[in-house]
Amino acid sequence: MATKEKKEIRSLNVIAQEIRRDWNTKIYFGARPYLSAMQTLNKISDNYYFDSGKSIVLYFLANAGTWRGEVARKIKAELKYMAK
């Protein structure tokens, strides 16, 4: 019988800090407001005013196309897993 490996879910504010460190000053202007919102959230089930954490994450991913590299791929995959 195969067992599913449970992924550790990090808080969105920790992920947002890592994104800022990696993306640095070249953050695409369309992704900035969603990244700022993510910094105030702990879980994807939290709300940012009238928006759900899930919608914030999905909008960030939609606007983060210019963020590339190994860290970007890893974090984007992590956020997509959380948004499932």
C-alpha atoms as a PDB file:
ATOM      1  CA  MET A   1       0.000   0.000   0.000  1.00  0.00           C
ATOM      2  CA  ALA A   2       1.423   3.356  -1.028  1.00  0.00           C
ATOM      3  CA  THR A   3       1.325   6.195   1.461  1.00  0.00           C
ATOM      4  CA  LYS A   4       1.078   9.809   0.436  1.00  0.00           C
ATOM      5  CA  GLU A   5       3.872  12.003   1.656  1.00  0.00           C
ATOM      6  CA  LYS A   6       2.444  14.943   3.560  1.00  0.00           C
ATOM      7  CA  LYS A   7       3.887  18.266   2.431  1.00  0.00           C
ATOM      8  CA  GLU A   8       4.749  20.836   5.058  1.00  0.00           C
ATOM      9  CA  ILE A   9       2.650  23.933   4.432  1.00  0.00           C
ATOM     10  CA  ARG A  10       4.540  27.147   5.111  1.00  0.00           C
ATOM     11  CA  SER A  11       2.716  30.365   5.957  1.00  0.00           C
ATOM     12  CA  LEU A  12       2.095  32.785   3.104  1.00  0.00           C
ATOM     13  CA  ASN A  13       3.951  35.602   4.836  1.00  0.00           C
ATOM     14  CA  VAL A  14       7.110  33.458   5.053  1.00  0.00           C
ATOM     15  CA  ILE A  15       6.779  32.536   1.371  1.00  0.00           C
ATOM     16  CA  ALA A  16       6.265  36.221   0.473  1.00  0.00           C
ATOM     17  CA  GLN A  17       9.476  37.165   2.297  1.00  0.00           C
ATOM     18  CA  GLU A  18      11.385  34.536   0.325  1.00  0.00           C
ATOM     19  CA  ILE A  19       9.884  35.831  -2.930  1.00  0.00           C
ATOM     20  CA  ARG A  20      10.952  39.398  -2.111  1.00  0.00           C
ATOM     21  CA  ARG A  21      14.497  38.238  -1.295  1.00  0.00           C
ATOM     22  CA  ASP A  22      14.806  36.323  -4.561  1.00  0.00           C
ATOM     23  CA  TRP A  23      12.930  38.639  -6.937  1.00  0.00           C
ATOM     24  CA  ASN A  24      14.511  41.682  -5.282  1.00  0.00           C
ATOM     25  CA  THR A  25      13.839  45.070  -6.926  1.00  0.00           C
ATOM     26  CA  LYS A  26      12.718  43.644 -10.277  1.00  0.00           C
ATOM     27  CA  ILE A  27       9.249  42.658  -9.029  1.00  0.00           C
ATOM     28  CA  TYR A  28       6.714  43.055 -11.826  1.00  0.00           C
ATOM     29  CA  PHE A  29       4.320  45.905 -10.972  1.00  0.00           C
ATOM     30  CA  GLY A  30       1.272  43.684 -11.548  1.00  0.00           C
ATOM     31  CA  ALA A  31       2.453  41.194  -8.915  1.00  0.00           C
ATOM     32  CA  ARG A  32       3.363  43.776  -6.242  1.00  0.00           C
ATOM     33  CA  PRO A  33      -0.097  44.288  -4.677  1.00  0.00           C
ATOM     34  CA  TYR A  34      -0.664  40.533  -4.405  1.00  0.00           C
ATOM     35  CA  LEU A  35       2.771  39.974  -2.910  1.00  0.00           C
ATOM     36  CA  SER A  36       2.057  42.728  -0.367  1.00  0.00           C
ATOM     37  CA  ALA A  37      -1.271  41.091   0.476  1.00  0.00           C
ATOM     38  CA  MET A  38       0.422  37.702   0.884  1.00  0.00           C
ATOM     39  CA  GLN A  39       2.769  39.251   3.452  1.00  0.00           C
ATOM     40  CA  THR A  40      -0.232  39.885   5.725  1.00  0.00           C
ATOM     41  CA  LEU A  41      -1.663  36.353   5.438  1.00  0.00           C
ATOM     42  CA  ASN A  42      -0.797  33.250   7.380  1.00  0.00           C
ATOM     43  CA  LYS A  43      -2.881  30.566   5.650  1.00  0.00           C
ATOM     44  CA  ILE A  44      -4.452  30.360   2.215  1.00  0.00           C
ATOM     45  CA  SER A  45      -7.832  30.154   3.957  1.00  0.00           C
ATOM     46  CA  ASP A  46      -7.334  33.638   5.475  1.00  0.00           C
ATOM     47  CA  ASN A  47      -8.962  36.675   3.897  1.00  0.00           C
ATOM     48  CA  TYR A  48      -7.416  39.930   2.767  1.00  0.00           C
ATOM     49  CA  TYR A  49     -10.279  42.388   3.138  1.00  0.00           C
ATOM     50  CA  PHE A  50     -12.938  40.962   0.774  1.00  0.00           C
ATOM     51  CA  ASP A  51     -10.555  38.694  -1.171  1.00  0.00           C
ATOM     52  CA  SER A  52      -9.758  35.129  -0.212  1.00  0.00           C
ATOM     53  CA  GLY A  53      -6.171  34.056   0.325  1.00  0.00           C
ATOM     54  CA  LYS A  54      -6.619  31.592  -2.508  1.00  0.00           C
ATOM     55  CA  SER A  55      -7.588  34.341  -4.961  1.00  0.00           C
ATOM     56  CA  ILE A  56      -4.609  36.457  -3.828  1.00  0.00           C
ATOM     57  CA  VAL A  57      -2.258  33.535  -4.477  1.00  0.00           C
ATOM     58  CA  LEU A  58      -3.816  32.795  -7.877  1.00  0.00           C
ATOM     59  CA  TYR A  59      -3.649  36.454  -8.940  1.00  0.00           C
ATOM     60  CA  PHE A  60      -0.017  36.590  -7.809  1.00  0.00           C
ATOM     61  CA  LEU A  61       0.790  33.501  -9.891  1.00  0.00           C
ATOM     62  CA  ALA A  62      -0.977  35.011 -12.905  1.00  0.00           C
ATOM     63  CA  ASN A  63       1.220  38.126 -12.613  1.00  0.00           C
ATOM     64  CA  ALA A  64       4.514  36.421 -11.732  1.00  0.00           C
ATOM     65  CA  GLY A  65       5.426  35.214 -15.207  1.00  0.00           C
ATOM     66  CA  THR A  66       8.593  37.311 -15.351  1.00  0.00           C
ATOM     67  CA  TRP A  67       9.934  35.797 -12.126  1.00  0.00           C
ATOM     68  CA  ARG A  68      12.169  32.930 -13.185  1.00  0.00           C
ATOM     69  CA  GLY A  69      14.814  30.608 -11.857  1.00  0.00           C
ATOM     70  CA  GLU A  70      15.048  27.653  -9.520  1.00  0.00           C
ATOM     71  CA  VAL A  71      13.592  29.452  -6.488  1.00  0.00           C
ATOM     72  CA  ALA A  72      10.721  30.795  -8.597  1.00  0.00           C
ATOM     73  CA  ARG A  73       9.858  27.325  -9.932  1.00  0.00           C
ATOM     74  CA  LYS A  74       9.947  25.820  -6.437  1.00  0.00           C
ATOM     75  CA  ILE A  75       7.775  28.515  -4.856  1.00  0.00           C
ATOM     76  CA  LYS A  76       5.298  28.675  -7.732  1.00  0.00           C
ATOM     77  CA  ALA A  77       4.833  24.890  -7.434  1.00  0.00           C
ATOM     78  CA  GLU A  78       4.348  25.259  -3.668  1.00  0.00           C
ATOM     79  CA  LEU A  79       1.711  27.976  -4.141  1.00  0.00           C
ATOM     80  CA  LYS A  80      -0.108  25.948  -6.808  1.00  0.00           C
ATOM     81  CA  TYR A  81      -0.161  22.952  -4.442  1.00  0.00           C
ATOM     82  CA  MET A  82      -1.621  25.138  -1.683  1.00  0.00           C
ATOM     83  CA  ALA A  83      -4.294  26.552  -4.022  1.00  0.00           C
ATOM     84  CA  LYS A  84      -5.569  23.107  -5.098  1.00  0.00           C
END
